[in-house]
Protein backbone atom coordinates (compact mmCIF):
# COMPACT_ATOMS: atom_id res chain seq x y z
CA MET A 1 6.31 8.45 -3.47
CA GLU A 2 3.02 7.74 -5.30
CA PHE A 3 -0.01 10.51 -6.24
CA ARG A 4 -3.36 9.03 -6.38
CA THR A 5 -7.38 9.74 -6.22
CA ALA A 6 -8.42 9.01 -2.91
CA LEU A 7 -10.81 6.60 -2.14
CA PRO A 8 -13.42 5.98 0.41
CA ASP A 9 -11.28 3.54 2.41
CA ASP A 10 -8.93 6.54 2.90
CA LEU A 11 -11.42 8.85 4.78
CA ASP A 12 -9.68 7.74 8.41
CA ALA A 13 -6.27 8.74 7.04
CA ILE A 14 -6.93 11.76 5.45
CA MET A 15 -8.86 12.66 8.45
CA ALA A 16 -5.64 12.60 10.96
CA ILE A 17 -3.86 14.36 8.54
CA VAL A 18 -6.43 17.19 8.44
CA ALA A 19 -6.29 17.05 12.50
CA ASP A 20 -2.68 17.01 12.04
CA ALA A 21 -2.78 20.28 10.11
CA LYS A 22 -5.52 21.94 12.22
CA GLU A 23 -2.81 21.31 15.37
CA SER A 24 -0.23 23.02 13.52
CA LEU A 25 -2.23 26.14 12.36
CA ARG A 26 -3.46 26.48 16.27
CA LYS A 27 -0.20 26.12 17.36
CA ARG A 28 0.84 28.95 14.97
CA GLY A 29 -1.91 30.99 16.18
CA ILE A 30 -3.90 31.02 13.12
CA ASP A 31 -7.53 30.72 12.91
CA GLN A 32 -7.39 28.69 9.78
CA TRP A 33 -9.56 25.35 10.12
CA GLN A 34 -10.53 26.20 13.61
CA ARG A 35 -14.13 26.15 13.43
CA GLY A 36 -14.95 22.69 12.22
CA TYR A 37 -13.66 22.59 8.64
CA PRO A 38 -12.71 20.54 7.11
CA ASN A 39 -14.42 17.85 8.21
CA ALA A 40 -15.47 14.40 7.62
CA GLU A 41 -18.74 15.32 5.06
CA ILE A 42 -16.59 17.71 3.20
CA ILE A 43 -13.92 15.10 2.89
CA GLY A 44 -16.30 12.52 1.94
CA MET A 45 -17.66 14.25 -0.33
CA ASP A 46 -14.49 15.21 -2.38
CA ILE A 47 -13.97 11.74 -2.21
CA ALA A 48 -17.28 10.54 -3.99
CA ARG A 49 -16.75 13.97 -6.36
CA GLY A 50 -13.04 11.99 -7.78
CA VAL A 51 -11.13 15.49 -6.46
CA GLY A 52 -9.51 14.37 -3.68
CA ARG A 53 -6.02 13.41 -3.79
CA LEU A 54 -3.80 11.69 -2.04
CA CYS A 55 0.52 11.03 -1.92
CA CYS A 56 1.62 8.31 -0.26
CA VAL A 57 5.20 7.91 0.89
CA ASP A 58 6.12 4.06 1.88
CA GLY A 59 2.27 2.98 1.42
CA LYS A 60 1.52 5.82 4.04
CA ALA A 61 -1.08 8.72 3.18
CA ALA A 62 0.98 12.03 3.83
CA VAL A 63 -0.49 14.69 2.00
CA TYR A 64 -4.42 15.10 1.23
CA GLY A 65 -5.27 18.22 -0.96
CA ALA A 66 -8.95 18.38 -3.78
CA LEU A 67 -8.01 18.97 -7.06
CA ILE A 68 -11.26 20.98 -8.07
CA PHE A 69 -11.83 21.77 -11.71
CA ASP A 70 -15.45 23.05 -11.70
CA GLY A 71 -14.01 26.81 -9.65
CA GLU A 72 -14.73 28.32 -6.26
CA PRO A 73 -17.58 30.67 -6.06
CA ALA A 74 -15.78 32.54 -3.56
CA TYR A 75 -13.40 33.37 -5.87
CA ARG A 76 -15.70 35.71 -8.01
CA ALA A 77 -15.45 38.65 -5.41
CA ILE A 78 -11.36 38.97 -5.25
CA SER A 79 -10.70 42.59 -3.61
CA HIS A 80 -7.28 44.48 -3.90
CA GLY A 81 -6.33 42.76 -7.05
CA ALA A 82 -7.21 40.81 -9.85
CA TRP A 83 -6.84 37.75 -11.01
CA LEU A 84 -4.17 37.11 -14.11
CA SER A 85 -6.57 35.32 -16.45
CA ASN A 86 -9.94 35.23 -16.89
CA GLY A 87 -10.55 31.91 -18.39
CA PRO A 88 -11.52 28.48 -16.52
CA TYR A 89 -9.39 27.31 -13.88
CA ALA A 90 -8.25 24.48 -11.61
CA VAL A 91 -8.63 24.90 -7.68
CA ILE A 92 -6.66 23.66 -5.15
CA HIS A 93 -8.17 23.03 -1.68
CA ARG A 94 -7.97 21.51 1.60
CA LEU A 95 -4.18 20.85 1.14
CA CYS A 96 -2.43 19.36 4.46
CA THR A 97 0.09 17.67 5.40
CA SER A 98 0.66 14.69 8.04
CA ALA A 99 2.45 15.82 10.94
CA GLY A 100 5.22 12.97 10.03
CA PHE A 101 5.84 14.43 6.97
CA VAL A 102 6.18 18.17 7.57
CA ARG A 103 8.75 20.00 6.11
CA ARG A 104 10.10 17.36 3.40
CA GLY A 105 8.47 19.53 0.20
CA LEU A 106 5.77 16.86 -0.37
CA ALA A 107 2.79 19.65 -0.23
CA THR A 108 5.33 21.25 -3.21
CA GLU A 109 5.52 18.10 -5.13
CA PHE A 110 1.57 17.78 -4.60
CA VAL A 111 1.15 20.94 -6.21
CA ARG A 112 3.40 20.73 -8.89
CA SER A 113 2.26 17.09 -9.83
CA SER A 114 -1.26 18.67 -10.38
CA PHE A 115 -0.15 20.66 -13.25
CA ALA A 116 0.19 18.41 -15.95
CA ASP A 117 -3.46 17.24 -15.20
CA ILE A 118 -4.53 20.33 -14.97
CA VAL A 119 -2.93 21.19 -18.60
CA ALA A 120 -4.40 17.82 -19.81
CA ALA A 121 -7.79 18.69 -18.76
CA GLY A 122 -7.19 22.10 -20.83
CA TYR A 123 -7.42 24.68 -18.02
CA PRO A 124 -5.03 27.50 -18.43
CA SER A 125 -4.16 27.99 -14.73
CA LEU A 126 -4.20 27.24 -10.79
CA ARG A 127 -5.85 29.22 -8.36
CA MET A 128 -4.97 28.78 -4.61
CA ASP A 129 -6.00 30.74 -1.40
CA THR A 130 -4.33 30.62 2.19
CA HIS A 131 -4.37 32.52 5.65
CA PRO A 132 -2.66 35.86 5.85
CA GLN A 133 -0.76 34.26 8.69
CA ASN A 134 0.01 30.98 6.89
CA GLU A 135 3.75 31.83 6.23
CA TYR A 136 4.06 28.01 4.98
CA MET A 137 1.98 28.13 2.12
CA LYS A 138 2.71 31.51 1.34
CA SER A 139 5.93 30.52 0.90
CA MET A 140 5.44 27.51 -0.60
CA LEU A 141 3.20 29.24 -3.53
CA ALA A 142 6.03 31.87 -4.07
CA GLY A 143 8.30 29.22 -4.68
CA LEU A 144 5.76 27.27 -6.88
CA GLY A 145 5.56 30.65 -8.68
CA PHE A 146 1.94 31.85 -8.10
CA VAL A 147 1.27 35.25 -8.10
CA TYR A 148 -0.66 36.75 -5.14
CA CYS A 149 -3.92 38.54 -6.92
CA GLY A 150 -5.93 40.04 -3.74
CA ASP A 151 -8.28 39.00 -1.23
CA VAL A 152 -11.05 36.09 -0.71
CA VAL A 153 -13.42 35.27 1.59
CA ILE A 154 -13.42 31.96 2.80
CA GLU A 155 -14.06 31.22 6.53
CA SER A 156 -12.52 34.54 6.96
CA ARG A 157 -10.28 36.83 4.47
CA ARG A 158 -7.76 34.55 2.18
CA MET A 159 -4.86 35.87 0.27
CA ALA A 160 -5.80 34.44 -3.61
CA TYR A 161 -2.92 33.17 -5.47
CA GLU A 162 -2.67 32.35 -9.62
CA LYS A 163 -0.18 30.92 -11.87
CA LEU A 164 -0.81 30.07 -15.15
CA LEU A 165 0.27 27.03 -16.78
CA ARG A 166 0.53 27.73 -20.33
């Protein structure tokens, strides 16, 4: 297993992972990612900014996510709760797994592998969000020690989580 920064040549493989994730959400009756987000333009911007990351297994792209260090504007308006911290934080967005690699713990390892990079960059916490019906993601976040902090709006209502890393 290899974790690395996504490159422009990875765009097609990443978009195939995104398509798999969209289909999985659709089949489970979850409306997340069903209105054109994320698309190749957004993933391309992740890659250009150097925030796109891949987990590869035997050279094949298995998990994609964006590790972002400049915040998330939607997180300013949290409702029904509060963040654990008030300082700087990192965010993982667009976390998704290729259909051929689901239920193998790779997304969990992707998130876990980011902890050291986040701390090394001087950020004390990691925030993530998910659709209220996305039980897979909620279970993964709970297993990694994230705390549900309230709700934010990205596309629609999202459950917001934070994990203190130090």
